[in-house]
Each structure stands twice: as structure tokens, then as C-alpha cells.
Amino acid sequence: MSFSARFRQGMKAAIPIWVAFVPSSLAWGIAAQAHGLTLTEIILMSAWVYSGPAQFAVLVPLAEGRSAIHVLVAGFLMNLRFLPMSTALAPFFRGVKRVPLLISSHVVSASSFIVPYVQFHKEREAALREPTDAPPIDGYGNLAFFLGVGATAFTVWVVGTASGFLLALGVPPGFEEALRFILPGYFAGLLVAEMKGWNMAVICLLSLVAAVPGALASSAWGWIVAATVIATAGWGIEEWKLHASRSS
């Protein structure tokens, strides 16, 4: 399969992501406009940060004139999840040079990670079950599929946030307050779909326990510290389970 054909295959697989990105990107564009960001700032942030949770997280600190360190740390912690995602995808891109990989890594997101990751695993398992004379898909073929997913989803996100800014010009004052429920609702849906083990229940419980003291300790940094503690606890649980499964 050629690079372009593989890219189109990724585009088709990304259609559900586009559908999910439309309301969330519009919501962020509206919320950003309400917090005083210009159209240029909204487009640049969406194109450079490309992370709905991180962009929502820094809106209030930006509007309140918080320090640059506060904003950068908040965005960094939110986007730190892309490191294990990239590590998990890396083995499927063997043979690809570093520069194309570095450029392509910019469009990694939760959605553009899971779709290629599942696809690559399915193709690998199918090749093991039913060996054929056809050559296996190389790293560049997998990269083409990934870019078909990631690059098109990235475009939808950037265009959607800009459209949200323009839409916000006709939205009545105060409407943006309702938008804060869109992102938690989106992640709640993902949580319901992925909650298969007791470890997620423990993480949810830790979230409830850590949220209150974190907010009371510091309205600016409390949630960041709480998020770090919860993320570390979740990583520890996963590592413990992995070690236990290997030992048994």
C-alpha cells in the first residue's frame, strides 16, 4: 500500500475523532474569547499546544494574569501524558528517520494515539494468525496511517477553535459558564468506557480525596499538586499490577 493510500486509510479511521473534536473545539474557542484571548492567540495556542485539557486548564491563569511559570507548569503536567503514548507507538515506526518522527509527534493526542495503536495491534495479530506472501507494513506505512489520523484531527481542532471564537461574538454573555461542563462530560464518557478494573476506581477515589485539601491549600497551585499526586499513584498502581502479572 502506498503512502498516500495508507494516509487516506488513516483519514477514514479519524472521522469519529473529527465528530468528537467539533463540539469541544468550538467550546474552547468560545471560552477563550470570553476570557479575553484574541483570534490570533486562540489559533496559535491551538496549533502550538494542541491539547484540549491543557488549553482549558490555562484559560483562568491567563485571564487572571498569573505568572508564566504557573501557566507553563499547568500545560506541561497536562501534556506529560503524551510521553507514554509516544513511547507505546514508537516500536511501530521502526526504520523512520528522526526528523519525520519529531515533526509527526506534534499531532499526538489521546484520540490520535488510541486509533492507530489499536489498528497497528490488529494488523500485527492478523499477520501472525494468517501469514501471507504480502510484505509487512513498514514503519513509513504506519507513519502514513498515523498522520492520516493525527494531521486531519489537528486541522479540525485548530479550525474548530477559530470558528468557536467567531461564534462567540454572537453568544449572549454568561453562556461560556455552561461550557465548563463539556470537557468533564467528555472525559466522563471516556472513563465509563475504559473503567474495567479496580485501579480506576482507586484513582477516582483518590481524586475526590485530594481535590478538597488541594484547593484549600492553594487556589492557584493546589489542583496541580493534587493532579501530580493522583497521576503518580495511578502510575504506581499500573506498575505494581504489571510486576505482579510478570511474577505470577
Protein backbone atom coordinates (compact mmCIF):
# COMPACT_ATOMS: atom_id res chain seq x y z
CA MET A 1 0.00 0.00 0.00
CA SER A 2 1.39 3.40 -0.99
CA PHE A 3 1.98 6.23 1.47
CA SER A 4 -1.00 8.22 0.13
CA ALA A 5 -3.33 5.21 0.26
CA ARG A 6 -2.27 4.46 3.82
CA PHE A 7 -2.78 8.15 4.70
CA ARG A 8 -6.33 8.02 3.33
CA GLN A 9 -6.97 4.90 5.36
CA GLY A 10 -5.99 6.87 8.46
CA MET A 11 -8.29 9.73 7.42
CA LYS A 12 -11.26 7.37 7.25
CA ALA A 13 -10.42 5.98 10.67
CA ALA A 14 -10.25 9.53 12.06
CA ILE A 15 -13.82 10.52 11.16
CA PRO A 16 -15.18 9.71 14.67
CA ILE A 17 -12.41 11.89 16.12
CA TRP A 18 -13.46 14.79 13.92
CA VAL A 19 -17.03 14.44 15.16
CA ALA A 20 -15.83 14.49 18.79
CA PHE A 21 -13.47 17.43 18.19
CA VAL A 22 -16.09 19.73 16.69
CA PRO A 23 -18.09 20.49 19.87
CA SER A 24 -15.04 20.51 22.16
CA SER A 25 -13.03 22.81 19.88
CA LEU A 26 -15.98 25.18 19.45
CA ALA A 27 -16.43 25.21 23.23
CA TRP A 28 -12.80 26.12 23.78
CA GLY A 29 -12.92 28.87 21.17
CA ILE A 30 -15.99 30.39 22.84
CA ALA A 31 -14.48 30.09 26.32
CA ALA A 32 -11.16 31.57 25.18
CA GLN A 33 -12.90 34.55 23.60
CA ALA A 34 -14.83 35.10 26.84
CA HIS A 35 -11.55 35.11 28.77
CA GLY A 36 -10.13 37.86 26.58
CA LEU A 37 -7.97 35.99 24.07
CA THR A 38 -7.76 37.33 20.52
CA LEU A 39 -8.39 35.27 17.41
CA THR A 40 -4.66 35.14 16.65
CA GLU A 41 -3.86 33.99 20.19
CA ILE A 42 -6.54 31.29 20.01
CA ILE A 43 -5.27 29.93 16.69
CA LEU A 44 -1.63 29.98 17.82
CA MET A 45 -2.41 28.28 21.13
CA SER A 46 -4.47 25.56 19.47
CA ALA A 47 -1.79 24.97 16.85
CA TRP A 48 1.13 25.03 19.28
CA VAL A 49 -0.32 23.38 22.40
CA TYR A 50 -2.90 21.16 20.67
CA SER A 51 -4.39 19.79 23.88
CA GLY A 52 -7.95 20.49 24.95
CA PRO A 53 -7.38 19.73 28.66
CA ALA A 54 -4.21 21.84 28.80
CA GLN A 55 -5.83 24.74 26.93
CA PHE A 56 -8.86 24.75 29.21
CA ALA A 57 -6.58 24.49 32.26
CA VAL A 58 -4.57 27.61 31.43
CA LEU A 59 -7.51 29.85 30.50
CA VAL A 60 -8.17 31.10 34.03
CA PRO A 61 -4.47 31.63 34.92
CA LEU A 62 -4.02 33.58 31.68
CA ALA A 63 -7.11 35.70 32.31
CA GLU A 64 -6.02 36.41 35.90
CA GLY A 65 -2.54 37.42 34.81
CA ARG A 66 -0.76 34.57 36.59
CA SER A 67 2.96 34.12 36.12
CA ALA A 68 4.30 32.46 33.01
CA ILE A 69 5.76 29.68 35.18
CA HIS A 70 2.29 28.86 36.52
CA VAL A 71 0.85 28.61 33.01
CA LEU A 72 3.78 26.59 31.66
CA VAL A 73 3.74 24.12 34.56
CA ALA A 74 -0.01 23.61 34.20
CA GLY A 75 0.31 22.93 30.48
CA PHE A 76 3.37 20.72 30.95
CA LEU A 77 1.68 18.49 33.52
CA MET A 78 -1.42 18.14 31.37
CA ASN A 79 0.64 17.20 28.31
CA LEU A 80 3.01 14.87 30.14
CA ARG A 81 0.61 12.04 29.28
CA PHE A 82 1.84 12.23 25.68
CA LEU A 83 5.20 10.77 26.71
CA PRO A 84 3.94 7.21 27.41
CA MET A 85 1.66 7.44 24.36
CA SER A 86 4.61 8.26 22.11
CA THR A 87 6.68 5.52 23.73
CA ALA A 88 3.93 2.98 23.05
CA LEU A 89 3.69 3.98 19.38
CA ALA A 90 7.43 4.19 18.72
CA PRO A 91 8.00 0.44 18.04
CA PHE A 92 5.58 0.61 15.10
CA PHE A 93 7.72 3.27 13.37
CA ARG A 94 10.96 1.31 13.09
CA GLY A 95 13.09 2.48 10.19
CA VAL A 96 11.63 6.00 10.10
CA LYS A 97 14.21 8.77 10.43
CA ARG A 98 14.19 11.01 13.49
CA VAL A 99 13.22 14.26 11.79
CA PRO A 100 9.91 12.95 10.35
CA LEU A 101 9.17 11.34 13.71
CA LEU A 102 9.91 14.57 15.58
CA ILE A 103 7.61 16.59 13.32
CA SER A 104 4.86 13.95 13.43
CA SER A 105 4.95 13.79 17.23
CA HIS A 106 3.31 17.22 17.38
CA VAL A 107 -0.06 15.75 16.38
CA VAL A 108 -0.11 13.10 19.12
CA SER A 109 -3.28 13.35 21.21
CA ALA A 110 -5.33 10.91 23.25
CA SER A 111 -7.57 10.25 20.26
CA SER A 112 -4.86 10.15 17.60
CA PHE A 113 -2.93 7.74 19.81
CA ILE A 114 -5.59 5.15 20.54
CA VAL A 115 -6.92 4.76 16.97
CA PRO A 116 -3.52 3.97 15.33
CA TYR A 117 -2.39 1.94 18.36
CA VAL A 118 -5.42 -0.36 18.15
CA GLN A 119 -5.13 -0.55 14.34
CA PHE A 120 -1.45 -1.50 14.44
CA HIS A 121 -2.07 -4.20 17.02
CA LYS A 122 -4.93 -5.64 14.96
CA GLU A 123 -2.73 -5.74 11.86
CA ARG A 124 0.11 -7.38 13.76
CA GLU A 125 -2.17 -10.04 15.24
CA ALA A 126 -3.78 -10.69 11.85
CA ALA A 127 -0.34 -11.16 10.26
CA LEU A 128 0.61 -13.66 12.95
CA ARG A 129 -2.63 -15.63 12.60
CA GLU A 130 -2.73 -15.70 8.81
CA PRO A 131 0.74 -15.32 7.27
CA THR A 132 0.68 -14.16 3.63
CA ASP A 133 3.21 -13.53 0.91
CA ALA A 134 2.49 -9.80 1.04
CA PRO A 135 5.31 -7.76 2.60
CA PRO A 136 4.57 -6.47 6.11
CA ILE A 137 3.68 -2.82 6.53
CA ASP A 138 6.88 -0.92 7.28
CA GLY A 139 7.44 2.00 9.63
CA TYR A 140 6.69 4.60 6.96
CA GLY A 141 3.40 2.90 6.14
CA ASN A 142 2.39 3.05 9.79
CA LEU A 143 3.52 6.66 9.95
CA ALA A 144 1.29 7.47 6.98
CA PHE A 145 -1.71 5.96 8.77
CA PHE A 146 -0.86 7.85 11.95
CA LEU A 147 -0.57 11.14 10.07
CA GLY A 148 -3.88 10.47 8.34
CA VAL A 149 -5.43 10.33 11.79
CA GLY A 150 -3.34 12.92 13.61
CA ALA A 151 -2.88 15.63 10.98
CA THR A 152 -6.54 15.74 9.98
CA ALA A 153 -7.72 15.74 13.62
CA PHE A 154 -5.23 18.56 14.31
CA THR A 155 -6.69 20.58 11.43
CA VAL A 156 -10.24 20.06 12.68
CA TRP A 157 -9.21 21.19 16.17
CA VAL A 158 -7.49 24.39 15.03
CA VAL A 159 -10.27 25.34 12.61
CA GLY A 160 -12.89 24.49 15.24
CA THR A 161 -11.35 26.73 17.89
CA ALA A 162 -11.15 29.63 15.45
CA SER A 163 -14.78 29.03 14.50
CA GLY A 164 -15.67 28.99 18.19
CA PHE A 165 -14.16 32.46 18.58
CA LEU A 166 -16.25 33.80 15.70
CA LEU A 167 -19.34 32.03 17.05
CA ALA A 168 -18.75 33.57 20.47
CA LEU A 169 -19.29 37.05 19.02
CA GLY A 170 -22.99 36.19 18.77
CA VAL A 171 -23.28 34.26 22.05
CA PRO A 172 -25.05 36.02 24.97
CA PRO A 173 -22.87 36.97 27.99
CA GLY A 174 -22.56 34.24 30.60
CA PHE A 175 -23.14 31.39 28.17
CA GLU A 176 -19.50 30.37 28.40
CA GLU A 177 -20.05 29.29 32.01
CA ALA A 178 -22.01 26.30 30.75
CA LEU A 179 -19.10 25.23 28.57
CA ARG A 180 -17.04 24.15 31.56
CA PHE A 181 -19.21 21.03 31.72
CA ILE A 182 -18.33 19.92 28.19
CA LEU A 183 -14.78 18.79 28.90
CA PRO A 184 -15.59 16.93 32.15
CA GLY A 185 -18.50 15.30 30.35
CA TYR A 186 -16.23 14.22 27.52
CA PHE A 187 -13.76 12.63 29.90
CA ALA A 188 -16.57 11.09 31.96
CA GLY A 189 -17.69 9.29 28.80
CA LEU A 190 -14.18 8.01 28.23
CA LEU A 191 -13.98 6.95 31.86
CA VAL A 192 -17.17 4.89 31.66
CA ALA A 193 -15.89 3.19 28.51
CA GLU A 194 -12.48 2.37 29.96
CA MET A 195 -13.33 1.59 33.61
CA LYS A 196 -12.68 -2.15 33.59
CA GLY A 197 -10.57 -2.69 36.68
CA TRP A 198 -10.41 -1.70 40.31
CA ASN A 199 -7.40 0.54 39.69
CA MET A 200 -9.58 3.17 38.00
CA ALA A 201 -11.96 3.14 40.97
CA VAL A 202 -9.00 3.76 43.29
CA ILE A 203 -7.81 6.67 41.14
CA CYS A 204 -11.31 8.20 41.20
CA LEU A 205 -11.42 7.86 44.98
CA LEU A 206 -8.01 9.49 45.30
CA SER A 207 -9.24 12.33 43.07
CA LEU A 208 -12.14 13.03 45.40
CA VAL A 209 -9.91 12.88 48.48
CA ALA A 210 -7.14 15.06 47.06
CA ALA A 211 -9.31 17.72 45.43
CA VAL A 212 -10.57 19.41 48.61
CA PRO A 213 -7.29 19.77 50.55
CA GLY A 214 -5.52 20.75 47.37
CA ALA A 215 -7.96 23.58 46.68
CA LEU A 216 -7.87 24.72 50.33
CA ALA A 217 -4.08 24.70 50.43
CA SER A 218 -3.69 26.86 47.34
CA SER A 219 -6.26 28.07 44.85
CA ALA A 220 -3.52 28.56 42.26
CA TRP A 221 -1.27 25.52 42.69
CA GLY A 222 -3.40 23.12 44.73
CA TRP A 223 -5.01 21.38 41.78
CA ILE A 224 -1.64 20.96 40.07
CA VAL A 225 -0.14 19.29 43.14
CA ALA A 226 -3.24 17.12 43.52
CA ALA A 227 -3.07 16.11 39.84
CA THR A 228 0.60 15.18 40.23
CA VAL A 229 -0.11 13.05 43.30
CA ILE A 230 -3.01 11.27 41.60
CA ALA A 231 -1.05 10.67 38.39
CA THR A 232 1.88 9.26 40.38
CA ALA A 233 -0.48 7.00 42.32
CA GLY A 234 -2.07 5.77 39.10
CA TRP A 235 1.32 5.06 37.57
CA GLY A 236 2.36 3.19 40.72
CA ILE A 237 -0.76 1.03 40.61
CA GLU A 238 -0.18 0.14 36.96
CA GLU A 239 3.49 -0.70 37.61
CA TRP A 240 2.58 -2.85 40.60
CA LYS A 241 -0.02 -4.76 38.58
CA LEU A 242 2.45 -5.26 35.71
CA HIS A 243 5.13 -6.55 38.07
CA ALA A 244 2.63 -8.86 39.78
CA SER A 245 1.46 -10.31 36.44
CA ARG A 246 5.04 -10.99 35.35
CA SER A 247 5.88 -12.67 38.66
CA SER A 248 2.86 -14.99 38.57
